[in-house]
Amino acid sequence: MTFIQVNSHKYGRLSEECSQLLMFFQLEAIVVEMQDPKNGVKNSVQKLNVTTIPHAAAGNDIIAWINTKMKTTVEGKLFGTMLVAYGYIYPLKNHNKLVMCNDSSLYRFQTPYFWPTQKWVPEDSDYAIYLAKRNIRKKGQLEPYEQTHYNHLHEWLNHKWEFIVMQATEQYKAGRDRNKPDRVIFDCQERAYWMVNRPPVSLWLFVRGLVCTHQWLLVKKNVFYQQAIMRSKVKSSVSLGALVKYITTYKNHDPFLAPCQPSNPWQTDHDAYWTLNMRRVEAPTKMRVERWSFSLFELLTDLRGRDDFKIFLKKEFSGENLAFWEAAEELKWGTASSMSTKAETIFKTFLAPGAPRWINIDGRTMGLTVKGLEHPHRYVLEAAQTHVFLLMKKVSLQLHLTLIIHEDMFSDSALTGKALRFISLGHILPLPEVSNIQRDPEEGSEPRDS
């Protein structure tokens, strides 16, 4: 690591600590304002079991004050929970529940001695003294997570455990000399501090998420604005031109924008339109075949066009490409219970060495796909499927649109009459009338002009 990297890492940490310290100062200013006798949160003397606790506030009063201060009705509970998670406010009853409840649950403000800005590092020896003192007070009846920490620290700090027990005993005896309300308040303050700094594992994850929520929101917002600045911009003229081109291409295929042949089923009671455009009709219409030439996606979406394309690929000895694409679609949209079986079948059929219908894709894509099939999911074949789709679009589709004359399709079509159409490079081009085309027996099935 170079000198510049070391200094940048050090200054990055200093910047993060300074921003966090600044946030703590802002929170503490709000907490001080909340404790103002005149304009702060309403508090009173409350009874906890049989002990009188001064300056206790209800959770709904704290949330109401925050909503009034922030002029909102939504963020009060979240902000109050953040104050509890940082240790500025602690509950008097449910110590393990570091959230702000919008009810009559009692809370107290933490003494400034335990605030995060005091930078009191929670060391293991201090926590061991606290647990030993609680063990003496509770006569060995600790919480499960406290008992786990106690046993771990007893083993870890065994070399000075006598000193820890002696300190815990002295603090326990000094605490008994106080009156009961002060003793209960100090115990709650100390327990709340260690609950924040040495929480249970499950609670630690929850608290960590609450503590980082505000920071992560700021970071995500900053990243969003940076990406918005770096995002490539398109001129309005270019985007409008693309929109006009799309509308020009598809307007004749929209039954609400162009005449619908033989009749519009949305305006009349005739259903001939549905009959002629069935999914696997024997003779497709001219408009349907013209739509196939727009893109490979349009061709594969139409089952009738996919069947013709499948026959063409079989003649070109590349039918495994479309078969693999269909198998990947079945895996993507199929049931979760059959996912593993389908993935294994696809691997044996298309990807395994010596597979009966092995597909020709690059080695990197093949390696990623085979590795992903060890733990199959719906999109494990996405890279290989995209590669095969682009291959069919670049080579097979152009050959299919250029070389195939759909004579058999249009000769029986009621909408095309006596016209043949030749699909060339994505466009439908008219050919001479059928009556003007004769077939030479000596030339086979090739047509010629009369």
Protein backbone atom coordinates (compact mmCIF):
# COMPACT_ATOMS: atom_id res chain seq x y z
CA MET A 1 0.00 0.00 0.00
CA THR A 2 1.46 3.36 -1.05
CA PHE A 3 1.78 6.50 1.06
CA ILE A 4 -1.05 8.18 -0.85
CA GLN A 5 -3.38 5.20 -0.29
CA VAL A 6 -2.58 5.14 3.44
CA ASN A 7 -3.27 8.85 3.82
CA SER A 8 -6.45 8.73 1.74
CA HIS A 9 -7.72 5.82 3.85
CA LYS A 10 -6.82 7.68 7.07
CA TYR A 11 -8.42 10.94 5.97
CA GLY A 12 -11.48 9.03 4.75
CA ARG A 13 -11.96 7.55 8.20
CA LEU A 14 -11.42 10.97 9.81
CA SER A 15 -14.02 12.49 7.50
CA GLU A 16 -16.49 9.75 8.38
CA GLU A 17 -15.88 10.19 12.11
CA CYS A 18 -16.27 13.97 11.83
CA SER A 19 -19.57 13.64 9.96
CA GLN A 20 -20.84 11.15 12.53
CA LEU A 21 -19.74 13.40 15.40
CA LEU A 22 -21.52 16.34 13.78
CA MET A 23 -24.69 14.26 13.53
CA PHE A 24 -24.41 13.36 17.24
CA PHE A 25 -24.11 17.05 18.15
CA GLN A 26 -27.28 17.80 16.18
CA LEU A 27 -29.14 14.97 17.91
CA GLU A 28 -27.96 16.11 21.32
CA ALA A 29 -29.17 19.65 20.62
CA ILE A 30 -32.64 18.23 19.91
CA VAL A 31 -32.50 16.05 23.05
CA VAL A 32 -31.58 19.10 25.18
CA GLU A 33 -34.49 20.99 23.64
CA MET A 34 -36.80 18.08 24.40
CA GLN A 35 -35.84 18.32 28.10
CA ASP A 36 -36.70 22.02 28.34
CA PRO A 37 -39.06 22.55 31.32
CA LYS A 38 -41.34 24.93 29.40
CA ASN A 39 -41.31 23.91 25.73
CA GLY A 40 -39.99 20.37 26.03
CA VAL A 41 -41.66 16.99 26.29
CA LYS A 42 -44.21 16.73 29.05
CA ASN A 43 -42.90 14.51 31.87
CA SER A 44 -44.06 13.64 35.33
CA VAL A 45 -43.40 11.39 38.29
CA GLN A 46 -44.39 7.81 37.51
CA LYS A 47 -44.44 4.61 39.49
CA LEU A 48 -42.45 1.64 38.31
CA ASN A 49 -43.71 -1.35 40.29
CA VAL A 50 -43.44 0.13 43.78
CA THR A 51 -40.68 2.66 43.05
CA THR A 52 -41.32 6.32 42.21
CA ILE A 53 -39.42 7.42 39.08
CA PRO A 54 -39.12 11.18 38.39
CA HIS A 55 -39.05 12.82 34.95
CA ALA A 56 -40.61 9.93 33.06
CA ALA A 57 -42.32 10.60 29.72
CA ALA A 58 -44.76 8.52 27.71
CA GLY A 59 -43.87 7.35 24.23
CA ASN A 60 -46.88 9.01 22.60
CA ASP A 61 -45.95 12.37 24.18
CA ILE A 62 -42.39 12.12 22.82
CA ILE A 63 -43.60 11.21 19.31
CA ALA A 64 -46.17 14.04 19.40
CA TRP A 65 -43.46 16.56 20.34
CA ILE A 66 -41.20 15.31 17.51
CA ASN A 67 -44.03 15.52 14.98
CA THR A 68 -44.78 19.08 16.09
CA LYS A 69 -41.11 20.02 15.93
CA MET A 70 -40.55 18.49 12.48
CA LYS A 71 -44.00 19.44 11.18
CA THR A 72 -44.71 15.89 10.06
CA THR A 73 -46.99 13.03 11.01
CA VAL A 74 -44.92 10.10 9.76
CA GLU A 75 -41.29 10.45 10.81
CA GLY A 76 -41.84 11.04 14.52
CA LYS A 77 -41.82 7.35 15.48
CA LEU A 78 -38.80 6.62 13.28
CA PHE A 79 -36.81 9.52 14.73
CA GLY A 80 -37.75 8.50 18.26
CA THR A 81 -36.62 4.94 17.57
CA MET A 82 -33.31 6.30 16.28
CA LEU A 83 -32.83 8.23 19.55
CA VAL A 84 -33.50 5.04 21.51
CA ALA A 85 -31.10 3.07 19.30
CA TYR A 86 -28.32 5.61 19.85
CA GLY A 87 -28.92 5.56 23.60
CA TYR A 88 -30.27 9.09 24.16
CA ILE A 89 -33.59 7.74 25.44
CA TYR A 90 -34.14 4.42 27.18
CA PRO A 91 -37.29 2.47 28.10
CA LEU A 92 -38.08 1.80 31.74
CA LYS A 93 -39.78 -1.58 31.26
CA ASN A 94 -38.92 -3.36 28.02
CA HIS A 95 -35.14 -2.93 28.08
CA ASN A 96 -34.61 -5.45 25.26
CA LYS A 97 -36.96 -3.56 22.94
CA LEU A 98 -35.02 -0.61 21.56
CA VAL A 99 -37.92 1.02 19.73
CA MET A 100 -40.15 3.99 20.43
CA CYS A 101 -43.73 2.83 20.96
CA ASN A 102 -46.57 5.23 20.25
CA ASP A 103 -48.43 4.41 23.45
CA SER A 104 -48.19 5.02 27.18
CA SER A 105 -44.88 3.15 27.58
CA LEU A 106 -42.52 5.03 29.90
CA TYR A 107 -39.13 6.41 28.79
CA ARG A 108 -36.42 8.53 30.37
CA PHE A 109 -33.65 10.65 28.92
CA GLN A 110 -30.19 9.20 29.30
CA THR A 111 -27.70 11.09 31.44
CA PRO A 112 -25.09 13.01 29.33
CA TYR A 113 -22.36 10.86 30.89
CA PHE A 114 -23.46 7.96 28.64
CA TRP A 115 -23.93 10.01 25.44
CA PRO A 116 -21.90 8.87 22.38
CA THR A 117 -20.01 12.19 22.19
CA GLN A 118 -18.33 11.41 25.51
CA LYS A 119 -16.28 8.80 23.61
CA TRP A 120 -16.32 6.36 26.48
CA VAL A 121 -14.91 3.23 24.87
CA PRO A 122 -16.88 0.20 26.10
CA GLU A 123 -14.07 -2.17 27.04
CA ASP A 124 -14.48 -5.85 27.87
CA SER A 125 -13.29 -5.38 31.46
CA ASP A 126 -15.97 -2.71 32.12
CA TYR A 127 -18.64 -4.96 30.67
CA ALA A 128 -17.35 -7.88 32.74
CA ILE A 129 -17.63 -5.75 35.91
CA TYR A 130 -21.20 -4.80 34.97
CA LEU A 131 -22.19 -8.43 34.35
CA ALA A 132 -20.54 -9.56 37.59
CA LYS A 133 -22.45 -6.88 39.50
CA ARG A 134 -25.73 -7.98 37.90
CA ASN A 135 -24.89 -11.58 38.69
CA ILE A 136 -24.48 -10.65 42.36
CA ARG A 137 -27.70 -8.63 42.40
CA LYS A 138 -29.74 -11.26 40.53
CA LYS A 139 -28.11 -14.16 42.36
CA GLY A 140 -27.02 -15.87 39.17
CA GLN A 141 -30.27 -15.31 37.24
CA LEU A 142 -28.97 -13.46 34.17
CA GLU A 143 -30.57 -13.13 30.78
CA PRO A 144 -29.53 -15.90 28.32
CA TYR A 145 -27.42 -13.57 26.17
CA GLU A 146 -25.89 -12.00 29.31
CA GLN A 147 -25.03 -15.44 30.65
CA THR A 148 -23.33 -16.27 27.34
CA HIS A 149 -21.27 -13.06 27.48
CA TYR A 150 -20.50 -13.67 31.16
CA ASN A 151 -19.11 -17.16 30.50
CA HIS A 152 -17.07 -15.93 27.53
CA LEU A 153 -15.57 -13.02 29.48
CA HIS A 154 -14.87 -15.27 32.47
CA GLU A 155 -12.79 -17.48 30.20
CA TRP A 156 -11.22 -14.58 28.29
CA LEU A 157 -10.33 -12.47 31.36
CA ASN A 158 -9.57 -15.31 33.71
CA HIS A 159 -6.17 -13.83 34.59
CA LYS A 160 -7.81 -10.80 36.28
CA TRP A 161 -11.20 -12.17 37.22
CA GLU A 162 -10.55 -11.69 40.95
CA PHE A 163 -10.04 -7.98 40.34
CA ILE A 164 -13.26 -7.82 38.29
CA VAL A 165 -15.29 -9.53 41.01
CA MET A 166 -13.79 -7.23 43.64
CA GLN A 167 -14.72 -4.12 41.64
CA ALA A 168 -18.24 -5.46 41.05
CA THR A 169 -18.69 -6.15 44.77
CA GLU A 170 -17.55 -2.64 45.74
CA GLN A 171 -19.87 -1.03 43.21
CA TYR A 172 -22.76 -3.19 44.41
CA LYS A 173 -22.17 -2.15 48.03
CA ALA A 174 -21.87 1.52 47.04
CA GLY A 175 -25.15 1.28 45.14
CA ARG A 176 -26.97 -0.09 48.15
CA ASP A 177 -26.10 3.08 50.09
CA ARG A 178 -28.21 5.18 47.67
CA ASN A 179 -31.94 5.57 48.09
CA LYS A 180 -34.08 3.21 46.06
CA PRO A 181 -35.31 5.61 43.29
CA ASP A 182 -31.74 6.74 42.51
CA ARG A 183 -30.53 3.15 42.57
CA VAL A 184 -33.23 2.02 40.15
CA ILE A 185 -32.60 4.97 37.81
CA PHE A 186 -28.84 4.35 37.72
CA ASP A 187 -29.38 0.65 37.06
CA CYS A 188 -31.71 1.48 34.16
CA GLN A 189 -29.21 3.98 32.75
CA GLU A 190 -26.33 1.55 32.95
CA ARG A 191 -28.36 -1.31 31.50
CA ALA A 192 -29.57 0.88 28.63
CA TYR A 193 -25.96 1.86 27.83
CA TRP A 194 -24.76 -1.73 27.67
CA MET A 195 -27.85 -2.78 25.75
CA VAL A 196 -26.81 -0.35 23.01
CA ASN A 197 -23.07 -1.16 23.10
CA ARG A 198 -23.24 -4.90 23.91
CA PRO A 199 -26.61 -6.04 22.54
CA PRO A 200 -27.68 -9.63 21.75
CA VAL A 201 -26.81 -10.86 18.27
CA SER A 202 -30.36 -10.59 16.90
CA LEU A 203 -30.90 -7.20 18.52
CA TRP A 204 -27.48 -6.05 17.31
CA LEU A 205 -28.51 -6.65 13.72
CA PHE A 206 -31.76 -4.76 14.30
CA VAL A 207 -30.07 -1.85 16.04
CA ARG A 208 -27.34 -1.72 13.40
CA GLY A 209 -29.98 -1.37 10.74
CA LEU A 210 -31.76 1.40 12.62
CA VAL A 211 -28.56 3.28 13.33
CA CYS A 212 -27.43 3.16 9.70
CA THR A 213 -30.84 3.93 8.16
CA HIS A 214 -30.34 7.67 8.03
CA GLN A 215 -26.77 7.41 6.78
CA TRP A 216 -27.66 4.88 4.10
CA LEU A 217 -30.52 7.06 2.88
CA LEU A 218 -28.12 9.97 2.42
CA VAL A 219 -25.60 7.74 0.63
CA LYS A 220 -28.24 6.28 -1.71
CA LYS A 221 -29.55 9.75 -2.50
CA ASN A 222 -26.02 10.95 -3.27
CA VAL A 223 -25.40 7.95 -5.54
CA PHE A 224 -28.70 8.56 -7.31
CA TYR A 225 -27.82 12.18 -8.07
CA GLN A 226 -24.34 11.20 -9.27
CA GLN A 227 -25.80 8.59 -11.62
CA ALA A 228 -28.36 11.12 -12.85
CA ILE A 229 -25.57 13.57 -13.69
CA MET A 230 -23.52 10.88 -15.49
CA ARG A 231 -26.49 9.38 -17.33
CA SER A 232 -26.27 9.79 -21.07
CA LYS A 233 -28.79 12.25 -22.41
CA VAL A 234 -30.71 11.98 -25.68
CA LYS A 235 -31.90 14.94 -27.64
CA SER A 236 -35.64 15.38 -27.79
CA SER A 237 -35.47 15.35 -31.57
CA VAL A 238 -33.84 11.90 -31.54
CA SER A 239 -36.35 10.44 -29.08
CA LEU A 240 -39.29 11.94 -30.95
CA GLY A 241 -37.87 10.60 -34.21
CA ALA A 242 -37.69 7.10 -32.72
CA LEU A 243 -41.27 7.42 -31.49
CA VAL A 244 -42.47 8.56 -34.92
CA LYS A 245 -40.60 5.67 -36.57
CA TYR A 246 -42.23 3.17 -34.21
CA ILE A 247 -45.71 4.58 -34.82
CA THR A 248 -45.15 4.61 -38.58
CA THR A 249 -44.07 0.96 -38.48
CA TYR A 250 -46.91 -0.33 -36.34
CA LYS A 251 -49.81 1.99 -37.19
CA ASN A 252 -51.13 -0.26 -39.96
CA HIS A 253 -51.22 -3.18 -37.51
CA ASP A 254 -53.34 -1.41 -34.90
CA PRO A 255 -57.03 -2.15 -35.52
CA PHE A 256 -57.98 1.15 -33.85
CA LEU A 257 -55.71 3.28 -36.08
CA ALA A 258 -56.06 1.47 -39.41
CA PRO A 259 -58.85 -0.44 -41.16
CA CYS A 260 -59.14 -4.00 -39.93
CA GLN A 261 -59.72 -6.70 -42.56
CA PRO A 262 -62.08 -8.36 -43.24
CA SER A 263 -64.02 -6.52 -40.49
CA ASN A 264 -63.31 -4.96 -37.14
CA PRO A 265 -64.60 -7.30 -34.38
CA TRP A 266 -64.62 -4.41 -31.87
CA GLN A 267 -67.10 -2.49 -34.04
CA THR A 268 -69.10 -5.29 -35.64
CA ASP A 269 -70.42 -8.69 -34.67
CA HIS A 270 -68.30 -10.56 -37.23
CA ASP A 271 -65.58 -12.78 -35.77
CA ALA A 272 -63.74 -13.59 -39.01
CA TYR A 273 -60.77 -11.52 -37.79
CA TRP A 274 -60.25 -13.89 -34.85
CA THR A 275 -60.59 -16.95 -37.07
CA LEU A 276 -57.97 -15.73 -39.56
CA ASN A 277 -55.55 -14.75 -36.78
CA MET A 278 -55.67 -17.90 -34.68
CA ARG A 279 -52.42 -18.89 -33.04
CA ARG A 280 -51.67 -21.81 -35.36
CA VAL A 281 -53.78 -21.01 -38.41
CA GLU A 282 -52.92 -22.89 -41.59
CA ALA A 283 -52.67 -19.81 -43.87
CA PRO A 284 -51.59 -16.58 -42.10
CA THR A 285 -52.66 -13.19 -43.36
CA LYS A 286 -50.45 -10.71 -45.19
CA MET A 287 -50.41 -8.30 -42.23
CA ARG A 288 -49.38 -11.07 -39.89
CA VAL A 289 -46.45 -12.15 -42.09
CA GLU A 290 -45.43 -8.52 -42.52
CA ARG A 291 -45.23 -8.15 -38.76
CA TRP A 292 -42.76 -11.05 -38.62
CA SER A 293 -40.27 -8.98 -40.59
CA PHE A 294 -40.13 -6.24 -37.95
CA SER A 295 -37.92 -8.16 -35.52
CA LEU A 296 -36.99 -11.63 -34.37
CA PHE A 297 -38.99 -11.08 -31.20
CA GLU A 298 -42.16 -10.53 -33.25
CA LEU A 299 -41.44 -13.71 -35.23
CA LEU A 300 -40.87 -15.85 -32.12
CA THR A 301 -43.86 -14.39 -30.28
CA ASP A 302 -46.19 -15.60 -33.04
CA LEU A 303 -46.47 -19.39 -32.74
CA ARG A 304 -47.29 -19.74 -36.44
CA GLY A 305 -44.18 -17.78 -37.39
CA ARG A 306 -42.09 -19.73 -34.91
CA ASP A 307 -43.17 -23.00 -36.51
CA ASP A 308 -42.08 -21.80 -39.96
CA PHE A 309 -38.80 -20.50 -38.57
CA LYS A 310 -38.22 -23.84 -36.85
CA ILE A 311 -38.65 -25.68 -40.15
CA PHE A 312 -36.21 -23.29 -41.82
CA LEU A 313 -33.58 -23.77 -39.08
CA LYS A 314 -33.97 -27.52 -39.35
CA LYS A 315 -33.14 -27.30 -43.06
CA GLU A 316 -30.12 -25.13 -42.22
CA PHE A 317 -28.94 -27.68 -39.59
CA SER A 318 -29.21 -25.12 -36.77
CA GLY A 319 -32.50 -26.12 -35.17
CA GLU A 320 -30.79 -26.61 -31.81
CA ASN A 321 -30.55 -22.82 -31.36
CA LEU A 322 -34.31 -22.30 -31.34
CA ALA A 323 -34.82 -25.46 -29.26
CA PHE A 324 -32.41 -24.13 -26.64
CA TRP A 325 -34.13 -20.72 -26.65
CA GLU A 326 -37.52 -22.39 -26.07
CA ALA A 327 -36.10 -24.57 -23.29
CA ALA A 328 -34.64 -21.48 -21.59
CA GLU A 329 -38.05 -19.77 -21.79
CA GLU A 330 -39.72 -22.79 -20.21
CA LEU A 331 -37.18 -22.73 -17.39
CA LYS A 332 -37.67 -19.00 -16.88
CA TRP A 333 -41.46 -19.06 -16.74
CA GLY A 334 -42.07 -22.61 -15.48
CA THR A 335 -42.88 -23.84 -12.00
CA ALA A 336 -40.28 -23.75 -9.25
CA SER A 337 -40.75 -27.43 -8.41
CA SER A 338 -39.61 -28.57 -11.87
CA MET A 339 -36.70 -26.13 -12.13
CA SER A 340 -33.95 -28.57 -11.13
CA THR A 341 -35.23 -31.30 -13.46
CA LYS A 342 -35.49 -28.92 -16.42
CA ALA A 343 -32.01 -27.51 -15.76
CA GLU A 344 -30.51 -31.01 -15.72
CA THR A 345 -32.31 -31.93 -18.94
CA ILE A 346 -31.10 -28.75 -20.68
CA PHE A 347 -27.53 -29.42 -19.58
CA LYS A 348 -27.57 -32.99 -20.91
CA THR A 349 -29.26 -31.99 -24.17
CA PHE A 350 -27.49 -28.75 -25.14
CA LEU A 351 -24.45 -28.01 -22.96
CA ALA A 352 -22.74 -31.23 -21.87
CA PRO A 353 -19.72 -32.44 -23.88
CA GLY A 354 -21.02 -34.72 -26.62
CA ALA A 355 -24.62 -33.58 -26.12
CA PRO A 356 -27.04 -34.67 -28.87
CA ARG A 357 -28.04 -31.05 -29.66
CA TRP A 358 -24.93 -29.19 -28.53
CA ILE A 359 -25.08 -25.41 -29.12
CA ASN A 360 -22.12 -23.40 -30.35
CA ILE A 361 -21.47 -20.51 -27.92
CA ASP A 362 -18.25 -18.89 -26.75
CA GLY A 363 -16.21 -20.50 -23.98
CA ARG A 364 -16.72 -17.74 -21.41
CA THR A 365 -20.51 -17.87 -21.71
CA MET A 366 -20.42 -21.66 -21.64
CA GLY A 367 -18.30 -21.69 -18.46
CA LEU A 368 -20.55 -19.20 -16.65
CA THR A 369 -23.68 -21.11 -17.67
CA VAL A 370 -22.37 -24.54 -16.66
CA LYS A 371 -21.16 -23.16 -13.32
CA GLY A 372 -24.53 -21.50 -12.70
CA LEU A 373 -26.39 -24.77 -13.35
CA GLU A 374 -24.81 -26.17 -10.17
CA HIS A 375 -27.36 -24.03 -8.29
CA PRO A 376 -30.09 -23.45 -10.92
CA HIS A 377 -32.52 -20.55 -10.84
CA ARG A 378 -34.89 -18.99 -13.36
CA TYR A 379 -32.32 -16.75 -15.05
CA VAL A 380 -29.32 -19.07 -15.00
CA LEU A 381 -29.43 -19.42 -18.80
CA GLU A 382 -29.85 -15.69 -19.49
CA ALA A 383 -26.35 -15.15 -20.94
CA ALA A 384 -26.45 -18.23 -23.19
CA GLN A 385 -30.00 -17.48 -24.30
CA THR A 386 -29.06 -13.91 -25.24
CA HIS A 387 -26.04 -15.18 -27.21
CA VAL A 388 -28.18 -17.65 -29.16
CA PHE A 389 -30.90 -15.03 -29.74
CA LEU A 390 -28.40 -12.55 -31.20
CA LEU A 391 -26.90 -15.30 -33.36
CA MET A 392 -30.32 -16.18 -34.83
CA LYS A 393 -31.12 -12.49 -35.32
CA LYS A 394 -27.86 -11.73 -37.12
CA VAL A 395 -27.64 -14.79 -39.40
CA SER A 396 -30.71 -17.02 -39.50
CA LEU A 397 -33.39 -14.33 -39.52
CA GLN A 398 -31.94 -12.47 -42.49
CA LEU A 399 -31.61 -15.70 -44.46
CA HIS A 400 -35.16 -16.63 -43.56
CA LEU A 401 -36.51 -13.23 -44.62
CA THR A 402 -34.41 -13.05 -47.78
CA LEU A 403 -34.57 -16.54 -49.27
CA ILE A 404 -38.01 -17.87 -48.37
CA ILE A 405 -40.87 -17.18 -50.80
CA HIS A 406 -44.11 -17.80 -48.90
CA GLU A 407 -45.98 -19.07 -51.93
CA ASP A 408 -47.85 -21.82 -50.15
CA MET A 409 -48.94 -19.47 -47.39
CA PHE A 410 -50.44 -16.75 -49.54
CA SER A 411 -51.91 -18.79 -52.36
CA ASP A 412 -54.78 -19.94 -50.14
CA SER A 413 -55.12 -16.77 -48.05
CA ALA A 414 -58.45 -14.98 -48.35
CA LEU A 415 -56.87 -11.59 -47.68
CA THR A 416 -54.01 -11.70 -50.18
CA GLY A 417 -55.89 -12.84 -53.24
CA LYS A 418 -53.64 -13.75 -56.14
CA ALA A 419 -50.47 -12.14 -54.88
CA LEU A 420 -47.16 -13.48 -53.74
CA ARG A 421 -45.01 -11.61 -51.30
CA PHE A 422 -41.27 -11.81 -51.01
CA ILE A 423 -39.76 -10.96 -47.66
CA SER A 424 -36.45 -9.23 -48.24
CA LEU A 425 -34.35 -7.63 -45.52
CA GLY A 426 -37.33 -6.86 -43.32
CA HIS A 427 -39.68 -5.48 -45.99
CA ILE A 428 -42.63 -7.00 -47.84
CA LEU A 429 -42.14 -6.54 -51.58
CA PRO A 430 -44.90 -7.32 -54.14
CA LEU A 431 -44.21 -9.78 -56.94
CA PRO A 432 -46.09 -10.13 -60.25
CA GLU A 433 -49.58 -11.56 -60.26
CA VAL A 434 -49.99 -15.30 -59.96
CA SER A 435 -51.78 -15.42 -63.30
CA ASN A 436 -48.67 -13.99 -64.97
CA ILE A 437 -46.36 -16.62 -63.51
CA GLN A 438 -45.91 -19.95 -65.23
CA ARG A 439 -43.86 -22.94 -64.28
CA ASP A 440 -41.49 -24.61 -66.69
CA PRO A 441 -41.63 -28.41 -66.30
CA GLU A 442 -38.04 -28.70 -67.40
CA GLU A 443 -36.84 -26.13 -64.87
CA GLY A 444 -38.56 -27.79 -61.91
CA SER A 445 -40.51 -25.63 -59.49
CA GLU A 446 -38.77 -22.28 -60.23
CA PRO A 447 -41.23 -19.64 -61.51
CA ARG A 448 -40.55 -17.44 -64.51
CA ASP A 449 -42.30 -14.51 -66.11
CA SER A 450 -44.49 -15.24 -69.12
